[in-house]
Amino acid sequence: MHCSLHPLSSLFIASDTEVFVGSRTNDYDVYITMEPFVEKVEAFETVKKMIKWINSRKQRLFILYSPTF
């Protein structure tokens, strides 16, 4: 996903044991591992929901402004 020649905005890898989904936003990357039965559309819908959840709680999840001592 971080190749400077061919950067990807999303990644989907399915195997017999797991499904791996990666997605880039402007602020951060999201990586999720799921059960192997998850379909591609369902996996990306889950990523969208996760990003929406993270953005709604960004102030509580991340240190956005740290004081300088």
N, C-alpha and C. Protein backbone atom coordinates (compact mmCIF):
# COMPACT_ATOMS: atom_id res chain seq x y z
N MET A 1 0.81 -1.18 0.00
CA MET A 1 0.00 0.00 0.00
C MET A 1 0.86 1.26 0.00
N HIS A 2 2.10 1.14 0.45
CA HIS A 2 2.95 2.32 0.59
C HIS A 2 4.03 2.40 -0.48
N CYS A 3 3.85 1.69 -1.58
CA CYS A 3 4.81 1.75 -2.67
C CYS A 3 4.72 3.13 -3.34
N SER A 4 5.84 3.80 -3.48
CA SER A 4 5.81 5.14 -4.08
C SER A 4 5.53 5.09 -5.58
N LEU A 5 5.86 3.98 -6.23
CA LEU A 5 5.61 3.85 -7.67
C LEU A 5 4.14 3.59 -7.97
N HIS A 6 3.52 2.69 -7.23
CA HIS A 6 2.12 2.31 -7.45
C HIS A 6 1.38 2.24 -6.11
N PRO A 7 1.08 3.38 -5.51
CA PRO A 7 0.39 3.34 -4.21
C PRO A 7 -1.04 2.82 -4.34
N LEU A 8 -1.47 2.05 -3.36
CA LEU A 8 -2.83 1.52 -3.33
C LEU A 8 -3.65 2.27 -2.29
N SER A 9 -4.94 2.45 -2.58
CA SER A 9 -5.82 3.05 -1.57
C SER A 9 -6.52 1.97 -0.76
N SER A 10 -6.58 0.75 -1.33
CA SER A 10 -7.19 -0.36 -0.59
C SER A 10 -6.57 -1.68 -1.04
N LEU A 11 -6.73 -2.68 -0.16
CA LEU A 11 -6.12 -3.99 -0.41
C LEU A 11 -7.04 -5.07 0.15
N PHE A 12 -7.24 -6.14 -0.61
CA PHE A 12 -8.07 -7.27 -0.18
C PHE A 12 -7.32 -8.55 -0.49
N ILE A 13 -7.05 -9.34 0.55
CA ILE A 13 -6.37 -10.62 0.38
C ILE A 13 -7.19 -11.68 1.09
N ALA A 14 -7.58 -12.72 0.36
CA ALA A 14 -8.37 -13.81 0.95
C ALA A 14 -7.58 -15.11 0.87
N SER A 15 -7.61 -15.87 1.96
CA SER A 15 -6.97 -17.18 1.99
C SER A 15 -7.93 -18.17 2.64
N ASP A 16 -7.49 -19.39 2.82
CA ASP A 16 -8.32 -20.41 3.47
C ASP A 16 -8.52 -20.13 4.95
N THR A 17 -7.63 -19.34 5.54
CA THR A 17 -7.68 -19.13 6.99
C THR A 17 -8.15 -17.74 7.41
N GLU A 18 -8.06 -16.75 6.51
CA GLU A 18 -8.45 -15.39 6.88
C GLU A 18 -8.67 -14.50 5.67
N VAL A 19 -9.32 -13.38 5.92
CA VAL A 19 -9.45 -12.31 4.93
C VAL A 19 -8.78 -11.09 5.53
N PHE A 20 -7.90 -10.47 4.76
CA PHE A 20 -7.19 -9.28 5.22
C PHE A 20 -7.60 -8.11 4.35
N VAL A 21 -7.99 -7.00 4.98
CA VAL A 21 -8.40 -5.80 4.26
C VAL A 21 -7.59 -4.63 4.79
N GLY A 22 -7.05 -3.84 3.88
CA GLY A 22 -6.35 -2.62 4.26
C GLY A 22 -6.93 -1.45 3.49
N SER A 23 -7.01 -0.31 4.13
CA SER A 23 -7.56 0.88 3.49
C SER A 23 -6.82 2.11 4.00
N ARG A 24 -6.52 3.04 3.09
CA ARG A 24 -5.83 4.27 3.46
C ARG A 24 -6.81 5.43 3.51
N THR A 25 -6.69 6.25 4.53
CA THR A 25 -7.41 7.51 4.60
C THR A 25 -6.36 8.62 4.56
N ASN A 26 -6.80 9.86 4.58
CA ASN A 26 -5.84 10.97 4.59
C ASN A 26 -5.04 11.01 5.89
N ASP A 27 -5.65 10.55 6.98
CA ASP A 27 -5.02 10.67 8.29
C ASP A 27 -4.33 9.40 8.78
N TYR A 28 -4.80 8.24 8.37
CA TYR A 28 -4.27 6.98 8.90
C TYR A 28 -4.63 5.82 7.98
N ASP A 29 -4.04 4.67 8.27
CA ASP A 29 -4.35 3.43 7.55
C ASP A 29 -5.15 2.53 8.48
N VAL A 30 -6.04 1.74 7.91
CA VAL A 30 -6.85 0.79 8.68
C VAL A 30 -6.58 -0.60 8.12
N TYR A 31 -6.23 -1.54 9.00
CA TYR A 31 -6.00 -2.93 8.62
C TYR A 31 -6.91 -3.81 9.47
N ILE A 32 -7.65 -4.69 8.83
CA ILE A 32 -8.58 -5.56 9.53
C ILE A 32 -8.41 -6.99 9.03
N THR A 33 -8.37 -7.94 9.96
CA THR A 33 -8.34 -9.35 9.62
C THR A 33 -9.68 -9.95 10.03
N MET A 34 -10.29 -10.73 9.12
CA MET A 34 -11.62 -11.30 9.36
C MET A 34 -11.62 -12.79 9.08
N GLU A 35 -12.74 -13.41 9.38
CA GLU A 35 -12.91 -14.84 9.09
C GLU A 35 -12.84 -15.08 7.59
N PRO A 36 -12.46 -16.27 7.16
CA PRO A 36 -12.28 -16.54 5.73
C PRO A 36 -13.58 -16.58 4.92
N PHE A 37 -14.73 -16.55 5.58
CA PHE A 37 -16.01 -16.65 4.88
C PHE A 37 -16.54 -15.30 4.42
N VAL A 38 -15.87 -14.21 4.79
CA VAL A 38 -16.35 -12.86 4.49
C VAL A 38 -16.13 -12.55 3.00
N GLU A 39 -17.18 -12.04 2.36
CA GLU A 39 -17.08 -11.64 0.96
C GLU A 39 -16.42 -10.27 0.84
N LYS A 40 -15.91 -9.97 -0.34
CA LYS A 40 -15.18 -8.72 -0.57
C LYS A 40 -16.04 -7.49 -0.27
N VAL A 41 -17.27 -7.47 -0.76
CA VAL A 41 -18.16 -6.32 -0.55
C VAL A 41 -18.44 -6.12 0.94
N GLU A 42 -18.71 -7.21 1.64
CA GLU A 42 -18.97 -7.14 3.08
C GLU A 42 -17.73 -6.65 3.84
N ALA A 43 -16.56 -7.09 3.41
CA ALA A 43 -15.32 -6.67 4.07
C ALA A 43 -15.11 -5.17 3.94
N PHE A 44 -15.32 -4.62 2.74
CA PHE A 44 -15.13 -3.19 2.55
C PHE A 44 -16.22 -2.37 3.23
N GLU A 45 -17.43 -2.91 3.35
CA GLU A 45 -18.48 -2.23 4.12
C GLU A 45 -18.08 -2.16 5.60
N THR A 46 -17.48 -3.23 6.09
CA THR A 46 -17.01 -3.24 7.48
C THR A 46 -15.91 -2.20 7.69
N VAL A 47 -15.01 -2.09 6.73
CA VAL A 47 -13.94 -1.08 6.82
C VAL A 47 -14.54 0.32 6.83
N LYS A 48 -15.53 0.57 5.98
CA LYS A 48 -16.18 1.89 5.96
C LYS A 48 -16.82 2.21 7.31
N LYS A 49 -17.49 1.22 7.89
CA LYS A 49 -18.11 1.41 9.21
C LYS A 49 -17.05 1.68 10.28
N MET A 50 -15.94 0.95 10.20
CA MET A 50 -14.86 1.13 11.17
C MET A 50 -14.26 2.53 11.05
N ILE A 51 -14.04 3.01 9.84
CA ILE A 51 -13.50 4.35 9.63
C ILE A 51 -14.47 5.41 10.15
N LYS A 52 -15.75 5.21 9.90
CA LYS A 52 -16.77 6.14 10.41
C LYS A 52 -16.75 6.16 11.94
N TRP A 53 -16.64 4.98 12.56
CA TRP A 53 -16.59 4.87 14.02
C TRP A 53 -15.34 5.57 14.56
N ILE A 54 -14.20 5.34 13.93
CA ILE A 54 -12.95 5.97 14.36
C ILE A 54 -13.06 7.49 14.26
N ASN A 55 -13.57 7.98 13.13
CA ASN A 55 -13.68 9.43 12.95
C ASN A 55 -14.62 10.07 13.97
N SER A 56 -15.66 9.37 14.37
CA SER A 56 -16.60 9.94 15.35
C SER A 56 -16.00 9.97 16.76
N ARG A 57 -14.93 9.21 16.98
CA ARG A 57 -14.29 9.15 18.30
C ARG A 57 -12.81 9.57 18.24
N LYS A 58 -12.45 10.29 17.22
CA LYS A 58 -11.05 10.65 16.99
C LYS A 58 -10.41 11.36 18.19
N GLN A 59 -11.15 12.27 18.82
CA GLN A 59 -10.61 13.01 19.97
C GLN A 59 -10.26 12.08 21.13
N ARG A 60 -11.03 11.01 21.30
CA ARG A 60 -10.79 10.08 22.41
C ARG A 60 -9.77 9.00 22.07
N LEU A 61 -9.62 8.68 20.80
CA LEU A 61 -8.74 7.59 20.41
C LEU A 61 -7.30 8.02 20.14
N PHE A 62 -7.11 9.25 19.68
CA PHE A 62 -5.79 9.72 19.29
C PHE A 62 -5.38 10.95 20.09
N ILE A 63 -4.10 11.10 20.28
CA ILE A 63 -3.57 12.32 20.88
C ILE A 63 -3.33 13.29 19.73
N LEU A 64 -4.28 14.17 19.51
CA LEU A 64 -4.21 15.08 18.37
C LEU A 64 -3.37 16.32 18.69
N TYR A 65 -3.47 16.79 19.91
CA TYR A 65 -2.74 17.99 20.31
C TYR A 65 -2.06 17.70 21.65
N SER A 66 -0.77 17.57 21.62
CA SER A 66 -0.06 17.28 22.87
C SER A 66 0.62 18.56 23.37
N PRO A 67 0.57 18.77 24.66
CA PRO A 67 1.22 19.97 25.22
C PRO A 67 2.73 19.85 25.14
N THR A 68 3.37 20.97 24.99
CA THR A 68 4.83 21.02 24.96
C THR A 68 5.32 21.53 26.31
N PHE A 69 6.26 20.82 26.89
CA PHE A 69 6.78 21.21 28.21
C PHE A 69 8.16 21.79 28.08
